[in-house]
Amino acid sequence: MRVYLSVLKLRLLNGMQYRAAALAGVATQFFWGSMIIMVFQAFYQNAADTQPISLKELITYIWLQQAFLVFVTVWFRDSELFDLITSGNIAYELCRPCELYGFWFAKLLAQRLSSAILRCFPILIVSFFLPKPYNMTFPPSLSAFLLFLSSLMLGLLLLVAISMFLYISVFITMSPMGSLLIFGILGEFFAGLIIPVPLMPSWLQNIANVLPFRWTADFPFRVYSGHIPPKEALIGIVIQLVYLLVLVWLGRISMNRVLRKVVVQGG
């Protein structure tokens, strides 16, 4: 465990150096966040029926989505790992005196943490001071905020566990593009990053509730706004833990199986 914590710390410090890229990302996310809010504002103003989530809760949902984008998107990737697999340099990784699954898990976790730390605070701070109705609001209670933090971190761990299957699949396909498209489209849609889950038709919501993607983004963001009450949030956190344990277990089994069939070419 000490090895993985060291990897996490070193990769976190390394990722914190890319401040200019983070500032560019902040500007981009402010643009997209404002545009998405305007689209939904127009939808709410012309909707004939009352929507299952209020515009105020939805705007907070969108700003949290933009602030923690690297926590909730599957397509955020480490190209270095793809190159290691497809070039045959995975042989160097296999020489390390530690388990490859845990090593890569710590590396990917640190990459997402460092990017989020650099980006989230400017977005959150500015979004609170925007004019109504574009501003972000505070959670309804301290318990909602604490439950949000817990669910957000569990969602991050869950997303890293999901993204590990993306890298494992490249051992078989030897091309990351197909896996990125499949994982990226399914993950982004069913996590509620395109259409919030409460606004989906009932049959789509049933699918989203079964898949793990929704528990990485939609669930913690709605806990923050109070749309999901504390009792339901506690049940949801238990579900997150179950998904995390199952996916890590399946990921380690899958990684061990593909590593038994690895062929490394070269001189």
Protein backbone atom coordinates (compact mmCIF):
# COMPACT_ATOMS: atom_id res chain seq x y z
CA MET A 1 0.00 0.00 0.00
CA ARG A 2 2.93 2.32 0.70
CA VAL A 3 4.07 1.92 -2.92
CA TYR A 4 0.70 2.98 -4.31
CA LEU A 5 0.49 5.97 -1.96
CA SER A 6 3.95 7.07 -3.12
CA VAL A 7 2.86 6.78 -6.75
CA LEU A 8 -0.26 8.79 -5.97
CA LYS A 9 1.76 11.53 -4.28
CA LEU A 10 4.41 11.79 -7.01
CA ARG A 11 1.89 11.83 -9.86
CA LEU A 12 -0.23 14.38 -8.00
CA LEU A 13 2.74 16.74 -7.62
CA ASN A 14 3.67 16.22 -11.26
CA GLY A 15 0.14 16.99 -12.46
CA MET A 16 -0.04 20.19 -10.39
CA GLN A 17 2.65 21.75 -12.63
CA TYR A 18 0.33 22.18 -15.63
CA ARG A 19 -1.27 25.43 -14.45
CA ALA A 20 -1.51 27.13 -17.87
CA ALA A 21 -3.42 24.18 -19.34
CA ALA A 22 -5.73 24.25 -16.31
CA LEU A 23 -6.50 27.97 -16.79
CA ALA A 24 -7.33 27.33 -20.45
CA GLY A 25 -9.63 24.54 -19.31
CA VAL A 26 -11.34 26.87 -16.82
CA ALA A 27 -12.14 29.38 -19.57
CA THR A 28 -13.50 26.64 -21.81
CA GLN A 29 -15.68 25.19 -19.07
CA PHE A 30 -17.12 28.62 -18.20
CA PHE A 31 -18.12 29.03 -21.84
CA TRP A 32 -19.75 25.60 -22.07
CA GLY A 33 -21.40 25.91 -18.68
CA SER A 34 -22.97 29.27 -19.58
CA MET A 35 -24.16 27.98 -22.95
CA ILE A 36 -25.75 24.84 -21.44
CA ILE A 37 -27.50 26.92 -18.76
CA MET A 38 -28.96 29.21 -21.43
CA VAL A 39 -30.28 26.20 -23.38
CA PHE A 40 -31.97 24.73 -20.30
CA GLN A 41 -33.29 28.14 -19.25
CA ALA A 42 -35.04 28.46 -22.61
CA PHE A 43 -36.40 24.93 -22.23
CA TYR A 44 -37.80 25.64 -18.75
CA GLN A 45 -39.38 28.94 -19.82
CA ASN A 46 -41.29 27.22 -22.64
CA ALA A 47 -42.06 23.91 -20.92
CA ALA A 48 -45.75 23.20 -20.47
CA ASP A 49 -45.32 20.88 -17.47
CA THR A 50 -43.45 21.16 -14.19
CA GLN A 51 -40.08 19.46 -14.46
CA PRO A 52 -38.84 16.86 -11.93
CA ILE A 53 -35.82 19.03 -11.07
CA SER A 54 -36.01 22.80 -10.59
CA LEU A 55 -34.01 25.23 -12.73
CA LYS A 56 -32.12 26.41 -9.63
CA GLU A 57 -31.05 22.83 -8.81
CA LEU A 58 -30.18 22.19 -12.44
CA ILE A 59 -27.93 25.26 -12.68
CA THR A 60 -26.03 24.13 -9.57
CA TYR A 61 -25.84 20.65 -11.15
CA ILE A 62 -24.25 22.13 -14.30
CA TRP A 63 -21.65 24.22 -12.45
CA LEU A 64 -20.64 21.21 -10.36
CA GLN A 65 -20.38 19.23 -13.57
CA GLN A 66 -18.04 21.84 -15.06
CA ALA A 67 -15.97 22.23 -11.88
CA PHE A 68 -15.42 18.48 -11.45
CA LEU A 69 -15.42 17.52 -15.12
CA VAL A 70 -12.27 15.39 -14.83
CA PHE A 71 -13.90 13.51 -11.93
CA VAL A 72 -16.88 12.40 -14.01
CA THR A 73 -15.79 11.89 -17.65
CA VAL A 74 -14.56 8.52 -18.91
CA TRP A 75 -12.90 10.05 -21.98
CA PHE A 76 -10.33 11.86 -19.79
CA ARG A 77 -7.42 9.48 -20.39
CA ASP A 78 -3.72 8.84 -19.97
CA SER A 79 -2.31 8.45 -23.48
CA GLU A 80 0.98 7.21 -22.02
CA LEU A 81 -0.70 3.99 -20.88
CA PHE A 82 -2.15 3.41 -24.34
CA ASP A 83 1.32 3.86 -25.84
CA LEU A 84 2.82 1.40 -23.36
CA ILE A 85 0.31 -1.27 -24.35
CA THR A 86 0.39 -0.80 -28.13
CA SER A 87 4.17 -0.25 -28.45
CA GLY A 88 5.23 -3.25 -26.36
CA ASN A 89 6.83 -1.09 -23.68
CA ILE A 90 4.39 -2.67 -21.25
CA ALA A 91 7.32 -5.05 -20.59
CA TYR A 92 8.95 -2.33 -18.46
CA GLU A 93 5.78 -1.96 -16.41
CA LEU A 94 5.67 -5.70 -15.77
CA CYS A 95 9.17 -5.54 -14.26
CA ARG A 96 7.98 -3.31 -11.43
CA PRO A 97 7.86 -5.01 -8.01
CA CYS A 98 4.14 -4.22 -7.55
CA GLU A 99 0.79 -5.21 -8.96
CA LEU A 100 0.07 -3.48 -12.26
CA TYR A 101 -3.63 -2.89 -11.54
CA GLY A 102 -2.95 -1.03 -8.28
CA PHE A 103 -0.07 0.93 -9.82
CA TRP A 104 -2.18 2.17 -12.74
CA PHE A 105 -5.19 2.82 -10.48
CA ALA A 106 -3.08 5.13 -8.28
CA LYS A 107 -1.62 6.83 -11.34
CA LEU A 108 -5.01 7.52 -12.93
CA LEU A 109 -6.47 8.68 -9.62
CA ALA A 110 -3.65 11.19 -9.13
CA GLN A 111 -4.05 12.48 -12.69
CA ARG A 112 -7.72 13.26 -12.15
CA LEU A 113 -7.17 14.73 -8.68
CA SER A 114 -4.44 17.14 -9.81
CA SER A 115 -6.49 18.37 -12.79
CA ALA A 116 -9.58 18.88 -10.63
CA ILE A 117 -7.71 20.74 -7.88
CA LEU A 118 -6.35 23.23 -10.41
CA ARG A 119 -9.69 23.80 -12.13
CA CYS A 120 -12.50 23.41 -9.61
CA PHE A 121 -11.81 26.30 -7.22
CA PRO A 122 -11.85 29.15 -9.81
CA ILE A 123 -15.05 27.78 -11.34
CA LEU A 124 -16.81 27.30 -8.00
CA ILE A 125 -15.79 30.70 -6.61
CA VAL A 126 -16.80 32.70 -9.69
CA SER A 127 -20.04 30.75 -10.21
CA PHE A 128 -21.28 31.76 -6.73
CA PHE A 129 -20.98 35.47 -7.64
CA LEU A 130 -22.67 35.29 -11.04
CA PRO A 131 -25.98 37.18 -11.39
CA LYS A 132 -29.22 35.26 -10.94
CA PRO A 133 -30.35 32.86 -12.30
CA TYR A 134 -26.89 31.85 -13.54
CA ASN A 135 -25.27 31.62 -10.12
CA MET A 136 -24.51 28.47 -8.17
CA THR A 137 -26.18 28.05 -4.77
CA PHE A 138 -25.03 26.60 -1.45
CA PRO A 139 -26.23 23.15 -0.32
CA PRO A 140 -29.39 23.21 1.83
CA SER A 141 -27.61 21.85 4.93
CA LEU A 142 -24.25 20.81 6.32
CA SER A 143 -25.27 17.14 6.17
CA ALA A 144 -26.05 17.49 2.45
CA PHE A 145 -22.58 18.99 1.89
CA LEU A 146 -20.81 16.21 3.82
CA LEU A 147 -22.80 13.55 1.98
CA PHE A 148 -21.89 15.27 -1.28
CA LEU A 149 -18.16 15.15 -0.47
CA SER A 150 -18.38 11.47 0.43
CA SER A 151 -20.35 10.56 -2.68
CA LEU A 152 -18.09 12.68 -4.91
CA MET A 153 -14.92 10.91 -3.74
CA LEU A 154 -16.55 7.49 -4.00
CA GLY A 155 -17.76 8.48 -7.47
CA LEU A 156 -14.18 9.38 -8.42
CA LEU A 157 -12.87 5.99 -7.25
CA LEU A 158 -15.73 4.30 -9.08
CA LEU A 159 -14.95 6.15 -12.31
CA VAL A 160 -11.27 5.19 -12.11
CA ALA A 161 -12.35 1.56 -11.64
CA ILE A 162 -14.56 1.88 -14.74
CA SER A 163 -11.79 3.54 -16.77
CA MET A 164 -9.43 0.67 -15.90
CA PHE A 165 -11.59 -1.55 -18.13
CA LEU A 166 -10.86 0.88 -20.96
CA TYR A 167 -7.12 0.22 -20.68
CA ILE A 168 -7.63 -3.51 -20.15
CA SER A 169 -9.66 -3.70 -23.37
CA VAL A 170 -6.75 -2.24 -25.36
CA PHE A 171 -4.69 -5.33 -24.51
CA ILE A 172 -7.22 -7.23 -26.66
CA THR A 173 -8.07 -4.71 -29.41
CA MET A 174 -4.61 -3.04 -29.63
CA SER A 175 -6.41 0.18 -30.58
CA PRO A 176 -7.82 2.65 -28.04
CA MET A 177 -10.18 4.49 -30.41
CA GLY A 178 -13.07 2.02 -30.38
CA SER A 179 -12.95 1.58 -26.61
CA LEU A 180 -12.78 5.35 -26.07
CA LEU A 181 -15.85 5.93 -28.23
CA ILE A 182 -17.92 3.20 -26.58
CA PHE A 183 -16.93 4.01 -23.00
CA GLY A 184 -17.03 7.77 -23.61
CA ILE A 185 -20.49 7.91 -25.21
CA LEU A 186 -22.15 5.45 -22.82
CA GLY A 187 -20.46 6.95 -19.77
CA GLU A 188 -21.22 10.57 -20.63
CA PHE A 189 -24.87 9.91 -21.48
CA PHE A 190 -25.82 7.62 -18.60
CA ALA A 191 -23.89 9.70 -16.06
CA GLY A 192 -26.27 12.57 -16.83
CA LEU A 193 -23.63 14.81 -18.41
CA ILE A 194 -25.69 15.42 -21.57
CA ILE A 195 -29.22 15.20 -20.16
CA PRO A 196 -29.63 15.10 -16.36
CA VAL A 197 -31.10 11.75 -15.33
CA PRO A 198 -34.32 13.27 -13.82
CA LEU A 199 -35.16 14.74 -17.26
CA MET A 200 -34.80 11.39 -19.05
CA PRO A 201 -37.85 9.22 -19.89
CA SER A 202 -38.71 6.66 -17.23
CA TRP A 203 -37.38 3.70 -19.22
CA LEU A 204 -34.03 5.44 -19.71
CA GLN A 205 -33.86 6.31 -16.02
CA ASN A 206 -34.32 2.63 -15.20
CA ILE A 207 -31.32 1.76 -17.39
CA ALA A 208 -29.25 4.58 -15.90
CA ASN A 209 -30.02 3.41 -12.35
CA VAL A 210 -28.71 -0.07 -13.13
CA LEU A 211 -25.47 1.04 -14.80
CA PRO A 212 -22.60 2.38 -12.64
CA PHE A 213 -22.10 5.62 -14.61
CA ARG A 214 -24.94 7.51 -12.94
CA TRP A 215 -23.37 7.01 -9.52
CA THR A 216 -20.19 8.88 -10.56
CA ALA A 217 -21.80 12.22 -11.48
CA ASP A 218 -25.60 12.53 -11.36
CA PHE A 219 -25.89 11.12 -7.85
CA PRO A 220 -23.35 13.34 -5.99
CA PHE A 221 -24.47 16.50 -7.82
CA ARG A 222 -28.11 15.96 -6.88
CA VAL A 223 -27.11 15.18 -3.29
CA TYR A 224 -25.41 18.61 -3.13
CA SER A 225 -28.50 20.49 -4.34
CA GLY A 226 -30.77 18.60 -1.97
CA HIS A 227 -32.73 16.98 -4.80
CA ILE A 228 -31.79 13.64 -3.24
CA PRO A 229 -32.63 13.73 0.51
CA PRO A 230 -30.08 12.55 3.13
CA LYS A 231 -31.71 9.14 3.76
CA GLU A 232 -31.68 8.27 0.04
CA ALA A 233 -28.14 9.65 -0.19
CA LEU A 234 -26.92 7.22 2.48
CA ILE A 235 -28.46 4.31 0.58
CA GLY A 236 -26.84 5.60 -2.60
CA ILE A 237 -23.41 5.75 -0.93
CA VAL A 238 -23.79 2.08 0.05
CA ILE A 239 -24.62 1.28 -3.59
CA GLN A 240 -21.51 3.20 -4.68
CA LEU A 241 -19.36 1.11 -2.32
CA VAL A 242 -20.84 -2.13 -3.66
CA TYR A 243 -20.23 -1.07 -7.27
CA LEU A 244 -16.67 -0.03 -6.40
CA LEU A 245 -15.79 -3.33 -4.72
CA VAL A 246 -17.31 -5.39 -7.53
CA LEU A 247 -15.66 -3.41 -10.33
CA VAL A 248 -12.21 -3.45 -8.67
CA TRP A 249 -12.54 -7.20 -8.14
CA LEU A 250 -13.58 -7.79 -11.75
CA GLY A 251 -10.90 -5.41 -12.99
CA ARG A 252 -8.11 -7.23 -11.18
CA ILE A 253 -9.33 -10.59 -12.50
CA SER A 254 -9.52 -9.19 -16.07
CA MET A 255 -6.08 -7.59 -15.81
CA ASN A 256 -4.49 -10.83 -14.61
CA ARG A 257 -6.09 -12.76 -17.47
CA VAL A 258 -4.96 -10.41 -20.25
CA LEU A 259 -1.44 -10.22 -18.80
CA ARG A 260 -1.11 -14.00 -19.12
CA LYS A 261 -1.55 -13.62 -22.89
CA VAL A 262 0.63 -10.55 -23.44
CA VAL A 263 3.08 -10.87 -26.33
CA VAL A 264 5.94 -8.36 -26.45
CA GLN A 265 7.76 -8.03 -29.78
CA GLY A 266 11.12 -6.41 -30.43
CA GLY A 267 14.86 -6.95 -30.17
